[in-house]
Amino acid sequence: MADKDHYNHSMKGFHHGYLGLLILYIGFVMIWFADHWFCPVLTGTAGLFIFIDDFYQHIKGRSHPDYKSPLHRLYGLVYCRVKWLRRLNAFVDSIFGK
């Protein structure tokens, strides 16, 4: 069953900025393996956007503790509705400690 407060998901210690850096790195590596430029640029741009979103959330959060970034809010909405995402979240929490 989904949490009633869809912002109440933890993944403590695993900020989406790390995921953004990983996706950015994958986009960079794809430059050597892709037959065209579109996929590496799209992947890298998505990773950079995710990283910047997390960075801004932490900067803004210092002065506004209740601030939630656009991707954080989107994740919260999807988290409520997608069972496999809640399971993945619980698995990552078990690795990083909840």
C-alpha atoms as a PDB file:
ATOM      1  CA  MET A   1       0.000   0.000   0.000  1.00  0.00           C
ATOM      2  CA  ALA A   2       1.309   3.457  -0.873  1.00  0.00           C
ATOM      3  CA  ASP A   3       2.227   6.007   1.763  1.00  0.00           C
ATOM      4  CA  LYS A   4      -0.482   8.594   2.278  1.00  0.00           C
ATOM      5  CA  ASP A   5       2.176  11.293   2.440  1.00  0.00           C
ATOM      6  CA  HIS A   6       3.760  10.863  -0.973  1.00  0.00           C
ATOM      7  CA  TYR A   7       6.758  12.977   0.068  1.00  0.00           C
ATOM      8  CA  ASN A   8       7.557  10.520   2.840  1.00  0.00           C
ATOM      9  CA  HIS A   9      10.048   8.311   1.045  1.00  0.00           C
ATOM     10  CA  SER A  10      13.567   8.075   2.305  1.00  0.00           C
ATOM     11  CA  MET A  11      16.425   6.495   0.362  1.00  0.00           C
ATOM     12  CA  LYS A  12      18.526   8.061   3.116  1.00  0.00           C
ATOM     13  CA  GLY A  13      22.009   8.809   1.956  1.00  0.00           C
ATOM     14  CA  PHE A  14      21.128   8.252  -1.697  1.00  0.00           C
ATOM     15  CA  HIS A  15      20.476  11.637  -3.220  1.00  0.00           C
ATOM     16  CA  HIS A  16      19.209  11.823  -6.759  1.00  0.00           C
ATOM     17  CA  GLY A  17      22.281  13.923  -7.542  1.00  0.00           C
ATOM     18  CA  TYR A  18      24.366  10.746  -7.426  1.00  0.00           C
ATOM     19  CA  LEU A  19      22.008   9.141  -9.900  1.00  0.00           C
ATOM     20  CA  GLY A  20      22.280  12.228 -12.106  1.00  0.00           C
ATOM     21  CA  LEU A  21      26.081  12.020 -12.092  1.00  0.00           C
ATOM     22  CA  LEU A  22      25.896   8.346 -13.016  1.00  0.00           C
ATOM     23  CA  ILE A  23      23.537   9.073 -15.920  1.00  0.00           C
ATOM     24  CA  LEU A  24      25.769  11.970 -17.039  1.00  0.00           C
ATOM     25  CA  TYR A  25      28.772   9.625 -16.992  1.00  0.00           C
ATOM     26  CA  ILE A  26      26.862   7.007 -19.008  1.00  0.00           C
ATOM     27  CA  GLY A  27      26.018   9.687 -21.577  1.00  0.00           C
ATOM     28  CA  PHE A  28      29.688  10.655 -21.757  1.00  0.00           C
ATOM     29  CA  VAL A  29      30.776   7.026 -22.248  1.00  0.00           C
ATOM     30  CA  MET A  30      28.100   6.547 -24.911  1.00  0.00           C
ATOM     31  CA  ILE A  31      29.905   9.076 -27.112  1.00  0.00           C
ATOM     32  CA  TRP A  32      32.419   6.377 -28.064  1.00  0.00           C
ATOM     33  CA  PHE A  33      29.849   3.627 -28.620  1.00  0.00           C
ATOM     34  CA  ALA A  34      26.839   5.365 -30.161  1.00  0.00           C
ATOM     35  CA  ASP A  35      26.401   5.562 -33.931  1.00  0.00           C
ATOM     36  CA  HIS A  36      24.881   9.026 -33.643  1.00  0.00           C
ATOM     37  CA  TRP A  37      25.094  11.975 -31.283  1.00  0.00           C
ATOM     38  CA  PHE A  38      21.441  12.113 -30.159  1.00  0.00           C
ATOM     39  CA  CYS A  39      21.437   9.403 -27.448  1.00  0.00           C
ATOM     40  CA  PRO A  40      24.645  10.510 -25.676  1.00  0.00           C
ATOM     41  CA  VAL A  41      23.553  14.146 -25.688  1.00  0.00           C
ATOM     42  CA  LEU A  42      20.030  13.308 -24.471  1.00  0.00           C
ATOM     43  CA  THR A  43      21.357  10.983 -21.758  1.00  0.00           C
ATOM     44  CA  GLY A  44      24.018  13.423 -20.626  1.00  0.00           C
ATOM     45  CA  THR A  45      21.565  16.320 -20.556  1.00  0.00           C
ATOM     46  CA  ALA A  46      19.091  14.296 -18.480  1.00  0.00           C
ATOM     47  CA  GLY A  47      21.862  13.373 -16.029  1.00  0.00           C
ATOM     48  CA  LEU A  48      22.998  16.976 -15.761  1.00  0.00           C
ATOM     49  CA  PHE A  49      19.410  18.153 -15.177  1.00  0.00           C
ATOM     50  CA  ILE A  50      18.894  15.561 -12.418  1.00  0.00           C
ATOM     51  CA  PHE A  51      22.174  16.548 -10.758  1.00  0.00           C
ATOM     52  CA  ILE A  52      21.370  20.281 -10.899  1.00  0.00           C
ATOM     53  CA  ASP A  53      17.881  19.623  -9.494  1.00  0.00           C
ATOM     54  CA  ASP A  54      19.357  17.840  -6.462  1.00  0.00           C
ATOM     55  CA  PHE A  55      22.072  20.471  -5.991  1.00  0.00           C
ATOM     56  CA  TYR A  56      19.508  23.285  -6.071  1.00  0.00           C
ATOM     57  CA  GLN A  57      17.218  21.417  -3.678  1.00  0.00           C
ATOM     58  CA  HIS A  58      20.029  21.192  -1.118  1.00  0.00           C
ATOM     59  CA  ILE A  59      21.049  24.852  -1.538  1.00  0.00           C
ATOM     60  CA  LYS A  60      17.457  26.085  -1.336  1.00  0.00           C
ATOM     61  CA  GLY A  61      16.757  23.698   1.549  1.00  0.00           C
ATOM     62  CA  ARG A  62      19.232  25.507   3.781  1.00  0.00           C
ATOM     63  CA  SER A  63      17.018  28.588   3.906  1.00  0.00           C
ATOM     64  CA  HIS A  64      13.673  26.860   3.196  1.00  0.00           C
ATOM     65  CA  PRO A  65      13.696  23.422   4.891  1.00  0.00           C
ATOM     66  CA  ASP A  66      10.300  22.445   3.458  1.00  0.00           C
ATOM     67  CA  TYR A  67      11.341  23.076  -0.166  1.00  0.00           C
ATOM     68  CA  LYS A  68      10.929  20.112  -2.513  1.00  0.00           C
ATOM     69  CA  SER A  69      12.478  20.278  -5.984  1.00  0.00           C
ATOM     70  CA  PRO A  70      10.353  19.620  -9.077  1.00  0.00           C
ATOM     71  CA  LEU A  71      11.862  16.148  -9.542  1.00  0.00           C
ATOM     72  CA  HIS A  72      11.381  15.355  -5.850  1.00  0.00           C
ATOM     73  CA  ARG A  73       7.686  16.223  -6.148  1.00  0.00           C
ATOM     74  CA  LEU A  74       7.349  14.211  -9.360  1.00  0.00           C
ATOM     75  CA  TYR A  75       9.051  11.228  -7.716  1.00  0.00           C
ATOM     76  CA  GLY A  76       6.661  11.544  -4.790  1.00  0.00           C
ATOM     77  CA  LEU A  77       3.645  11.401  -7.085  1.00  0.00           C
ATOM     78  CA  VAL A  78       5.000   8.415  -9.034  1.00  0.00           C
ATOM     79  CA  TYR A  79       6.116   6.689  -5.821  1.00  0.00           C
ATOM     80  CA  CYS A  80       2.519   6.531  -4.590  1.00  0.00           C
ATOM     81  CA  ARG A  81       1.262   4.881  -7.746  1.00  0.00           C
ATOM     82  CA  VAL A  82       4.027   2.472  -8.793  1.00  0.00           C
ATOM     83  CA  LYS A  83       4.471  -0.627  -6.671  1.00  0.00           C
ATOM     84  CA  TRP A  84       7.827  -1.724  -8.137  1.00  0.00           C
ATOM     85  CA  LEU A  85       9.255   1.741  -7.390  1.00  0.00           C
ATOM     86  CA  ARG A  86       8.270   1.411  -3.721  1.00  0.00           C
ATOM     87  CA  ARG A  87       9.957  -2.001  -3.649  1.00  0.00           C
ATOM     88  CA  LEU A  88      13.086  -0.586  -5.276  1.00  0.00           C
ATOM     89  CA  ASN A  89      13.046   2.252  -2.753  1.00  0.00           C
ATOM     90  CA  ALA A  90      12.814  -0.226   0.138  1.00  0.00           C
ATOM     91  CA  PHE A  91      15.710  -2.239  -1.326  1.00  0.00           C
ATOM     92  CA  VAL A  92      17.928   0.849  -1.666  1.00  0.00           C
ATOM     93  CA  ASP A  93      16.981   1.896   1.900  1.00  0.00           C
ATOM     94  CA  SER A  94      18.089  -1.520   3.130  1.00  0.00           C
ATOM     95  CA  ILE A  95      21.489  -1.001   1.487  1.00  0.00           C
ATOM     96  CA  PHE A  96      22.066   2.581   2.661  1.00  0.00           C
ATOM     97  CA  GLY A  97      20.366   2.132   6.035  1.00  0.00           C
ATOM     98  CA  LYS A  98      16.937   3.411   6.883  1.00  0.00           C
END
